[in-house]
Amino acid sequence: MKLHELRDNDGATKKRKRVGRGAGSGMGKTGGRGIKGQKSRSGVAIKGYEGGQMPLYQRLPKRGFNKPNRKQFAVVNLGLIQKFIDEKKLDGKAVVTEDALVASGLVRRKLDGVRILAKGDISAKVTIEVTGASKSAVEAVEKAGGTLTVAAPAAAPAE
């Protein structure tokens, strides 16, 4: 197969409906908008504007609160760590740090730190050092004979 032979599967793309292109097209003259009235004209936004009245989306109460300085962690499941160790992408003998997880490709970026969750099974005897972990993840690693250390994240240098 060559580049010029690539095409979409049959039925994967649909041709755009071209309105107002003659009576024979079935979408000519009024272009599917009917005759007269506000909706037949251009520049109409009936659903958004309420004629000077306070719009519905502004009248409804807002709920909740988004903490401006909240921490956002990169989440990793134990099952994935085991999979990466089995595939030799992570060294199970060495200490698994956040930098090692990023280097292996398991985590794209550390964000405010890496948090380990207990989804999946771990059988390797590993030593893991991360910013956060669930209690069940710590128990699962210790049950497998390893250790999971939760260290405080390195604070950003003050200017």
N, C-alpha and C. Protein backbone atom coordinates (compact mmCIF):
# COMPACT_ATOMS: atom_id res chain seq x y z
N MET A 1 0.84 -1.19 0.00
CA MET A 1 0.00 0.00 0.00
C MET A 1 0.88 1.24 0.00
N LYS A 2 0.50 2.20 -0.82
CA LYS A 2 1.25 3.45 -0.91
C LYS A 2 0.41 4.58 -0.32
N LEU A 3 1.08 5.70 -0.06
CA LEU A 3 0.38 6.83 0.57
C LEU A 3 -0.82 7.29 -0.24
N HIS A 4 -0.68 7.29 -1.57
CA HIS A 4 -1.79 7.81 -2.39
C HIS A 4 -2.96 6.82 -2.48
N GLU A 5 -2.76 5.61 -1.94
CA GLU A 5 -3.83 4.62 -1.97
C GLU A 5 -4.68 4.62 -0.69
N LEU A 6 -4.26 5.41 0.31
CA LEU A 6 -5.01 5.48 1.57
C LEU A 6 -6.37 6.13 1.36
N ARG A 7 -7.43 5.52 1.89
CA ARG A 7 -8.73 6.16 1.88
C ARG A 7 -9.53 5.69 3.08
N ASP A 8 -10.56 6.45 3.39
CA ASP A 8 -11.44 6.09 4.50
C ASP A 8 -12.26 4.86 4.13
N ASN A 9 -12.76 4.16 5.14
CA ASN A 9 -13.66 3.04 4.89
C ASN A 9 -14.95 3.55 4.27
N ASP A 10 -15.64 2.68 3.55
CA ASP A 10 -16.91 3.08 2.94
C ASP A 10 -17.89 3.49 4.03
N GLY A 11 -18.51 4.66 3.86
CA GLY A 11 -19.49 5.14 4.83
C GLY A 11 -18.89 5.87 6.02
N ALA A 12 -17.55 5.98 6.07
CA ALA A 12 -16.92 6.64 7.21
C ALA A 12 -17.08 8.15 7.14
N THR A 13 -17.13 8.69 5.93
CA THR A 13 -17.31 10.14 5.78
C THR A 13 -18.60 10.41 5.02
N LYS A 14 -19.22 11.51 5.36
CA LYS A 14 -20.48 11.87 4.74
C LYS A 14 -20.30 13.23 4.08
N LYS A 15 -20.81 13.40 2.89
CA LYS A 15 -20.63 14.67 2.19
C LYS A 15 -21.45 15.77 2.88
N ARG A 16 -20.88 16.97 2.91
CA ARG A 16 -21.54 18.11 3.52
C ARG A 16 -22.76 18.51 2.71
N LYS A 17 -23.86 18.86 3.40
CA LYS A 17 -25.07 19.30 2.71
C LYS A 17 -24.88 20.72 2.24
N ARG A 18 -24.93 20.93 0.91
CA ARG A 18 -24.75 22.28 0.36
C ARG A 18 -26.14 22.86 0.09
N VAL A 19 -26.52 23.84 0.91
CA VAL A 19 -27.87 24.40 0.78
C VAL A 19 -27.85 25.62 -0.14
N GLY A 20 -29.03 25.88 -0.72
CA GLY A 20 -29.16 27.06 -1.58
C GLY A 20 -28.42 26.92 -2.89
N ARG A 21 -28.40 25.70 -3.46
CA ARG A 21 -27.68 25.48 -4.72
C ARG A 21 -28.62 24.96 -5.80
N GLY A 22 -29.77 25.58 -5.93
CA GLY A 22 -30.66 25.25 -7.02
C GLY A 22 -31.81 24.35 -6.60
N ALA A 23 -32.91 24.49 -7.34
CA ALA A 23 -34.14 23.76 -7.01
C ALA A 23 -33.95 22.26 -7.13
N GLY A 24 -33.14 21.81 -8.05
CA GLY A 24 -32.93 20.38 -8.28
C GLY A 24 -32.24 19.67 -7.12
N SER A 25 -31.57 20.44 -6.26
CA SER A 25 -30.83 19.80 -5.16
C SER A 25 -31.75 19.39 -4.01
N GLY A 26 -32.97 19.93 -4.00
CA GLY A 26 -33.89 19.65 -2.90
C GLY A 26 -33.64 20.56 -1.71
N MET A 27 -32.60 21.37 -1.79
CA MET A 27 -32.28 22.32 -0.71
C MET A 27 -32.02 23.70 -1.32
N GLY A 28 -32.73 24.01 -2.39
CA GLY A 28 -32.53 25.28 -3.07
C GLY A 28 -33.42 26.37 -2.52
N LYS A 29 -33.43 27.51 -3.15
CA LYS A 29 -34.24 28.68 -2.80
C LYS A 29 -34.14 29.07 -1.34
N THR A 30 -34.95 28.50 -0.46
CA THR A 30 -34.93 28.92 0.95
C THR A 30 -33.90 28.15 1.76
N GLY A 31 -33.29 27.16 1.19
CA GLY A 31 -32.20 26.43 1.86
C GLY A 31 -32.64 25.69 3.11
N GLY A 32 -33.88 25.14 3.10
CA GLY A 32 -34.33 24.35 4.23
C GLY A 32 -34.80 25.16 5.42
N ARG A 33 -34.93 26.50 5.25
CA ARG A 33 -35.33 27.35 6.37
C ARG A 33 -36.81 27.71 6.36
N GLY A 34 -37.55 27.23 5.39
CA GLY A 34 -38.96 27.59 5.31
C GLY A 34 -39.11 29.00 4.75
N ILE A 35 -40.29 29.57 4.94
CA ILE A 35 -40.57 30.89 4.36
C ILE A 35 -40.79 31.91 5.46
N LYS A 36 -40.17 33.06 5.36
CA LYS A 36 -40.29 34.18 6.28
C LYS A 36 -40.05 33.82 7.75
N GLY A 37 -40.15 34.77 8.60
CA GLY A 37 -40.00 34.55 10.04
C GLY A 37 -38.56 34.75 10.49
N GLN A 38 -38.41 34.90 11.80
CA GLN A 38 -37.10 35.21 12.38
C GLN A 38 -36.06 34.13 12.07
N LYS A 39 -36.49 32.87 12.12
CA LYS A 39 -35.53 31.79 11.94
C LYS A 39 -35.05 31.66 10.50
N SER A 40 -35.74 32.29 9.58
CA SER A 40 -35.30 32.21 8.19
C SER A 40 -34.22 33.25 7.88
N ARG A 41 -34.06 34.22 8.77
CA ARG A 41 -33.08 35.28 8.54
C ARG A 41 -31.72 34.90 9.12
N SER A 42 -30.71 35.60 8.69
CA SER A 42 -29.37 35.33 9.22
C SER A 42 -29.16 36.07 10.53
N GLY A 43 -28.19 35.63 11.31
CA GLY A 43 -27.84 36.31 12.55
C GLY A 43 -28.82 36.10 13.67
N VAL A 44 -29.43 34.91 13.76
CA VAL A 44 -30.44 34.65 14.78
C VAL A 44 -29.86 33.77 15.88
N ALA A 45 -30.04 34.15 17.13
CA ALA A 45 -29.61 33.32 18.26
C ALA A 45 -30.75 33.26 19.27
N ILE A 46 -31.82 32.57 18.90
CA ILE A 46 -33.03 32.57 19.71
C ILE A 46 -32.81 31.91 21.07
N LYS A 47 -32.04 30.80 21.11
CA LYS A 47 -31.89 30.05 22.36
C LYS A 47 -31.03 30.79 23.39
N GLY A 48 -30.08 31.61 22.93
CA GLY A 48 -29.15 32.24 23.85
C GLY A 48 -29.66 33.53 24.47
N TYR A 49 -30.30 34.38 23.68
CA TYR A 49 -30.67 35.71 24.13
C TYR A 49 -32.14 35.74 24.53
N GLU A 50 -32.46 36.35 25.66
CA GLU A 50 -33.84 36.37 26.14
C GLU A 50 -34.46 37.77 26.11
N GLY A 51 -34.05 38.57 25.16
CA GLY A 51 -34.70 39.87 24.98
C GLY A 51 -34.54 40.82 26.12
N GLY A 52 -33.37 40.89 26.72
CA GLY A 52 -33.13 41.83 27.81
C GLY A 52 -33.40 41.24 29.18
N GLN A 53 -34.17 40.15 29.23
CA GLN A 53 -34.40 39.46 30.51
C GLN A 53 -33.12 38.72 30.89
N MET A 54 -32.90 38.55 32.17
CA MET A 54 -31.71 37.82 32.63
C MET A 54 -31.79 36.37 32.13
N PRO A 55 -30.81 35.91 31.37
CA PRO A 55 -30.89 34.56 30.79
C PRO A 55 -30.96 33.47 31.86
N LEU A 56 -31.57 32.34 31.48
CA LEU A 56 -31.79 31.23 32.40
C LEU A 56 -30.48 30.77 33.03
N TYR A 57 -29.43 30.64 32.23
CA TYR A 57 -28.17 30.12 32.77
C TYR A 57 -27.55 31.07 33.79
N GLN A 58 -27.97 32.34 33.77
CA GLN A 58 -27.47 33.29 34.78
C GLN A 58 -28.40 33.39 35.98
N ARG A 59 -29.68 33.01 35.78
CA ARG A 59 -30.63 33.06 36.89
C ARG A 59 -30.46 31.89 37.85
N LEU A 60 -29.98 30.76 37.35
CA LEU A 60 -29.86 29.58 38.19
C LEU A 60 -28.71 29.74 39.17
N PRO A 61 -28.84 29.18 40.38
CA PRO A 61 -27.77 29.32 41.37
C PRO A 61 -26.57 28.48 40.99
N LYS A 62 -25.41 28.97 41.32
CA LYS A 62 -24.18 28.22 41.09
C LYS A 62 -23.90 27.38 42.33
N ARG A 63 -23.34 26.19 42.12
CA ARG A 63 -23.10 25.29 43.24
C ARG A 63 -21.63 24.92 43.32
N GLY A 64 -21.18 24.67 44.54
CA GLY A 64 -19.84 24.14 44.72
C GLY A 64 -18.77 25.21 44.79
N PHE A 65 -17.55 24.73 44.91
CA PHE A 65 -16.42 25.62 45.07
C PHE A 65 -15.19 24.95 44.48
N ASN A 66 -14.46 25.65 43.66
CA ASN A 66 -13.21 25.12 43.12
C ASN A 66 -12.04 25.76 43.85
N LYS A 67 -11.34 24.96 44.62
CA LYS A 67 -10.23 25.46 45.41
C LYS A 67 -9.12 25.94 44.47
N PRO A 68 -8.72 27.20 44.57
CA PRO A 68 -7.75 27.73 43.60
C PRO A 68 -6.35 27.13 43.74
N ASN A 69 -5.99 26.66 44.93
CA ASN A 69 -4.64 26.14 45.14
C ASN A 69 -4.63 24.64 45.38
N ARG A 70 -5.64 23.94 44.78
CA ARG A 70 -5.73 22.50 45.02
C ARG A 70 -4.56 21.76 44.37
N LYS A 71 -4.22 20.63 44.96
CA LYS A 71 -3.15 19.79 44.42
C LYS A 71 -3.75 18.84 43.39
N GLN A 72 -3.02 18.65 42.31
CA GLN A 72 -3.46 17.71 41.28
C GLN A 72 -2.36 16.68 41.10
N PHE A 73 -2.70 15.43 41.39
CA PHE A 73 -1.70 14.36 41.33
C PHE A 73 -1.84 13.55 40.06
N ALA A 74 -0.71 13.03 39.60
CA ALA A 74 -0.72 12.04 38.53
C ALA A 74 -1.04 10.70 39.20
N VAL A 75 -2.05 10.00 38.72
CA VAL A 75 -2.52 8.78 39.37
C VAL A 75 -1.98 7.55 38.65
N VAL A 76 -1.45 6.60 39.44
CA VAL A 76 -0.92 5.36 38.88
C VAL A 76 -1.50 4.19 39.66
N ASN A 77 -1.95 3.16 38.96
CA ASN A 77 -2.48 1.96 39.60
C ASN A 77 -1.38 0.92 39.77
N LEU A 78 -1.47 0.13 40.82
CA LEU A 78 -0.46 -0.90 41.09
C LEU A 78 -0.36 -1.91 39.96
N GLY A 79 -1.50 -2.24 39.36
CA GLY A 79 -1.50 -3.20 38.26
C GLY A 79 -0.63 -2.73 37.10
N LEU A 80 -0.64 -1.43 36.84
CA LEU A 80 0.17 -0.87 35.74
C LEU A 80 1.66 -0.94 36.09
N ILE A 81 1.99 -0.68 37.35
CA ILE A 81 3.39 -0.76 37.78
C ILE A 81 3.89 -2.19 37.57
N GLN A 82 3.07 -3.18 37.96
CA GLN A 82 3.43 -4.59 37.78
C GLN A 82 3.62 -4.91 36.29
N LYS A 83 2.71 -4.39 35.46
CA LYS A 83 2.79 -4.64 34.01
C LYS A 83 4.09 -4.07 33.44
N PHE A 84 4.47 -2.88 33.87
CA PHE A 84 5.68 -2.24 33.36
C PHE A 84 6.94 -2.98 33.85
N ILE A 85 6.86 -3.55 35.06
CA ILE A 85 7.99 -4.33 35.58
C ILE A 85 8.12 -5.62 34.76
N ASP A 86 6.97 -6.26 34.48
CA ASP A 86 6.98 -7.50 33.68
C ASP A 86 7.53 -7.24 32.27
N GLU A 87 7.22 -6.09 31.71
CA GLU A 87 7.67 -5.75 30.35
C GLU A 87 9.07 -5.15 30.35
N LYS A 88 9.72 -5.13 31.51
CA LYS A 88 11.09 -4.61 31.66
C LYS A 88 11.20 -3.12 31.34
N LYS A 89 10.09 -2.39 31.44
CA LYS A 89 10.13 -0.94 31.24
C LYS A 89 10.49 -0.23 32.53
N LEU A 90 10.24 -0.91 33.65
CA LEU A 90 10.61 -0.40 34.97
C LEU A 90 11.53 -1.43 35.63
N ASP A 91 12.55 -0.95 36.32
CA ASP A 91 13.47 -1.85 37.02
C ASP A 91 12.89 -2.14 38.40
N GLY A 92 12.44 -3.38 38.61
CA GLY A 92 11.83 -3.78 39.88
C GLY A 92 12.83 -3.86 41.01
N LYS A 93 14.13 -4.04 40.69
CA LYS A 93 15.16 -4.17 41.73
C LYS A 93 15.51 -2.81 42.33
N ALA A 94 15.54 -1.77 41.48
CA ALA A 94 15.89 -0.43 41.94
C ALA A 94 14.68 0.23 42.61
N VAL A 95 14.94 1.34 43.28
CA VAL A 95 13.86 2.10 43.92
C VAL A 95 13.03 2.78 42.83
N VAL A 96 11.73 2.57 42.85
CA VAL A 96 10.84 3.19 41.86
C VAL A 96 10.45 4.57 42.39
N THR A 97 11.01 5.61 41.77
CA THR A 97 10.70 6.99 42.16
C THR A 97 9.77 7.61 41.13
N GLU A 98 9.34 8.82 41.41
CA GLU A 98 8.48 9.53 40.47
C GLU A 98 9.20 9.77 39.15
N ASP A 99 10.51 10.09 39.23
CA ASP A 99 11.29 10.33 38.02
C ASP A 99 11.40 9.05 37.18
N ALA A 100 11.53 7.90 37.86
CA ALA A 100 11.61 6.62 37.14
C ALA A 100 10.29 6.33 36.42
N LEU A 101 9.17 6.68 37.06
CA LEU A 101 7.86 6.47 36.44
C LEU A 101 7.68 7.33 35.20
N VAL A 102 8.19 8.56 35.27
CA VAL A 102 8.11 9.47 34.11
C VAL A 102 9.01 8.96 33.00
N ALA A 103 10.23 8.52 33.35
CA ALA A 103 11.19 8.03 32.36
C ALA A 103 10.67 6.78 31.65
N SER A 104 9.93 5.93 32.38
CA SER A 104 9.42 4.69 31.79
C SER A 104 8.24 4.95 30.86
N GLY A 105 7.61 6.14 31.01
CA GLY A 105 6.45 6.47 30.18
C GLY A 105 5.14 6.12 30.84
N LEU A 106 5.19 5.61 32.07
CA LEU A 106 3.96 5.26 32.79
C LEU A 106 3.19 6.51 33.21
N VAL A 107 3.94 7.57 33.53
CA VAL A 107 3.34 8.86 33.90
C VAL A 107 3.85 9.89 32.91
N ARG A 108 2.96 10.73 32.39
CA ARG A 108 3.41 11.72 31.42
C ARG A 108 4.15 12.86 32.13
N ARG A 109 3.52 13.40 33.19
CA ARG A 109 4.20 14.44 33.97
C ARG A 109 3.78 14.33 35.42
N LYS A 110 4.63 14.80 36.32
CA LYS A 110 4.40 14.59 37.74
C LYS A 110 3.29 15.46 38.33
N LEU A 111 3.02 16.61 37.70
CA LEU A 111 2.06 17.57 38.25
C LEU A 111 2.49 17.95 39.66
N ASP A 112 1.61 17.78 40.67
CA ASP A 112 1.99 18.09 42.05
C ASP A 112 2.51 16.86 42.78
N GLY A 113 2.79 15.82 42.06
CA GLY A 113 3.29 14.58 42.64
C GLY A 113 2.55 13.39 42.05
N VAL A 114 3.01 12.19 42.40
CA VAL A 114 2.40 10.97 41.90
C VAL A 114 1.70 10.26 43.06
N ARG A 115 0.49 9.79 42.81
CA ARG A 115 -0.28 9.09 43.85
C ARG A 115 -0.57 7.67 43.35
N ILE A 116 -0.29 6.70 44.20
CA ILE A 116 -0.47 5.29 43.86
C ILE A 116 -1.82 4.80 44.40
N LEU A 117 -2.59 4.14 43.53
CA LEU A 117 -3.86 3.55 43.94
C LEU A 117 -3.78 2.03 43.80
N ALA A 118 -4.65 1.32 44.52
CA ALA A 118 -4.52 -0.13 44.67
C ALA A 118 -5.20 -0.95 43.59
N LYS A 119 -5.61 -0.35 42.48
CA LYS A 119 -6.29 -1.13 41.44
C LYS A 119 -5.30 -2.07 40.77
N GLY A 120 -5.66 -3.32 40.64
CA GLY A 120 -4.78 -4.32 40.04
C GLY A 120 -3.95 -5.02 41.11
N ASP A 121 -3.23 -6.05 40.68
CA ASP A 121 -2.41 -6.84 41.60
C ASP A 121 -0.94 -6.53 41.41
N ILE A 122 -0.18 -6.61 42.48
CA ILE A 122 1.27 -6.48 42.38
C ILE A 122 1.90 -7.68 43.07
N SER A 123 2.84 -8.31 42.35
CA SER A 123 3.49 -9.50 42.91
C SER A 123 4.99 -9.25 43.09
N ALA A 124 5.50 -8.21 42.42
CA ALA A 124 6.94 -7.92 42.51
C ALA A 124 7.26 -7.30 43.87
N LYS A 125 8.45 -7.61 44.36
CA LYS A 125 8.90 -7.06 45.64
C LYS A 125 9.61 -5.74 45.33
N VAL A 126 8.86 -4.65 45.34
CA VAL A 126 9.40 -3.35 44.90
C VAL A 126 9.44 -2.35 46.05
N THR A 127 10.36 -1.40 45.89
CA THR A 127 10.43 -0.27 46.82
C THR A 127 9.98 0.96 46.03
N ILE A 128 8.92 1.59 46.49
CA ILE A 128 8.34 2.73 45.77
C ILE A 128 8.39 3.95 46.66
N GLU A 129 8.85 5.08 46.09
CA GLU A 129 8.85 6.36 46.81
C GLU A 129 8.06 7.37 45.99
N VAL A 130 6.90 7.78 46.51
CA VAL A 130 6.03 8.73 45.80
C VAL A 130 5.46 9.76 46.77
N THR A 131 4.71 10.71 46.21
CA THR A 131 4.12 11.78 47.01
C THR A 131 2.91 11.30 47.80
N GLY A 132 2.11 10.41 47.20
CA GLY A 132 0.90 9.97 47.88
C GLY A 132 0.54 8.55 47.52
N ALA A 133 -0.23 7.90 48.39
CA ALA A 133 -0.70 6.55 48.13
C ALA A 133 -1.91 6.26 49.00
N SER A 134 -2.81 5.43 48.48
CA SER A 134 -3.97 5.03 49.28
C SER A 134 -3.53 3.97 50.29
N LYS A 135 -4.29 3.85 51.38
CA LYS A 135 -3.94 2.87 52.42
C LYS A 135 -3.91 1.46 51.85
N SER A 136 -4.90 1.16 51.00
CA SER A 136 -4.96 -0.19 50.43
C SER A 136 -3.78 -0.46 49.50
N ALA A 137 -3.25 0.59 48.84
CA ALA A 137 -2.08 0.42 47.97
C ALA A 137 -0.85 0.09 48.82
N VAL A 138 -0.69 0.80 49.94
CA VAL A 138 0.44 0.55 50.84
C VAL A 138 0.37 -0.88 51.36
N GLU A 139 -0.84 -1.32 51.77
CA GLU A 139 -1.02 -2.68 52.27
C GLU A 139 -0.69 -3.72 51.20
N ALA A 140 -1.13 -3.47 49.96
CA ALA A 140 -0.92 -4.43 48.87
C ALA A 140 0.57 -4.59 48.57
N VAL A 141 1.32 -3.48 48.58
CA VAL A 141 2.76 -3.54 48.30
C VAL A 141 3.48 -4.27 49.43
N GLU A 142 3.09 -3.97 50.67
CA GLU A 142 3.73 -4.63 51.81
C GLU A 142 3.38 -6.12 51.85
N LYS A 143 2.19 -6.47 51.42
CA LYS A 143 1.78 -7.88 51.35
C LYS A 143 2.63 -8.64 50.34
N ALA A 144 3.04 -7.93 49.26
CA ALA A 144 3.88 -8.55 48.22
C ALA A 144 5.34 -8.59 48.65
N GLY A 145 5.65 -8.00 49.80
CA GLY A 145 7.02 -8.03 50.31
C GLY A 145 7.82 -6.78 50.02
N GLY A 146 7.19 -5.76 49.48
CA GLY A 146 7.89 -4.51 49.16
C GLY A 146 7.57 -3.43 50.16
N THR A 147 8.05 -2.22 49.87
CA THR A 147 7.74 -1.06 50.72
C THR A 147 7.27 0.09 49.86
N LEU A 148 6.31 0.83 50.38
CA LEU A 148 5.81 2.02 49.68
C LEU A 148 5.96 3.20 50.64
N THR A 149 6.87 4.10 50.30
CA THR A 149 7.13 5.26 51.15
C THR A 149 6.44 6.48 50.58
N VAL A 150 5.72 7.19 51.44
CA VAL A 150 5.05 8.42 51.01
C VAL A 150 5.86 9.59 51.54
N ALA A 151 6.48 10.33 50.61
CA ALA A 151 7.30 11.48 50.98
C ALA A 151 6.56 12.76 50.63
N ALA A 152 6.80 13.80 51.38
CA ALA A 152 6.17 15.10 51.08
C ALA A 152 6.77 15.63 49.78
N PRO A 153 5.98 16.30 48.95
CA PRO A 153 6.50 16.80 47.68
C PRO A 153 7.53 17.90 47.92
N ALA A 154 8.51 17.95 47.04
CA ALA A 154 9.55 18.98 47.15
C ALA A 154 8.90 20.34 46.89
N ALA A 155 9.03 21.24 47.84
CA ALA A 155 8.42 22.56 47.71
C ALA A 155 9.14 23.36 46.63
N ALA A 156 8.40 24.17 45.92
CA ALA A 156 8.99 25.01 44.87
C ALA A 156 9.90 26.05 45.55
N PRO A 157 11.05 26.34 44.96
CA PRO A 157 11.96 27.30 45.59
C PRO A 157 11.33 28.69 45.66
N ALA A 158 11.43 29.32 46.83
CA ALA A 158 10.87 30.66 47.03
C ALA A 158 11.77 31.68 46.35
N GLU A 159 11.13 32.68 45.77
CA GLU A 159 11.91 33.70 45.06
C GLU A 159 12.07 34.95 45.91
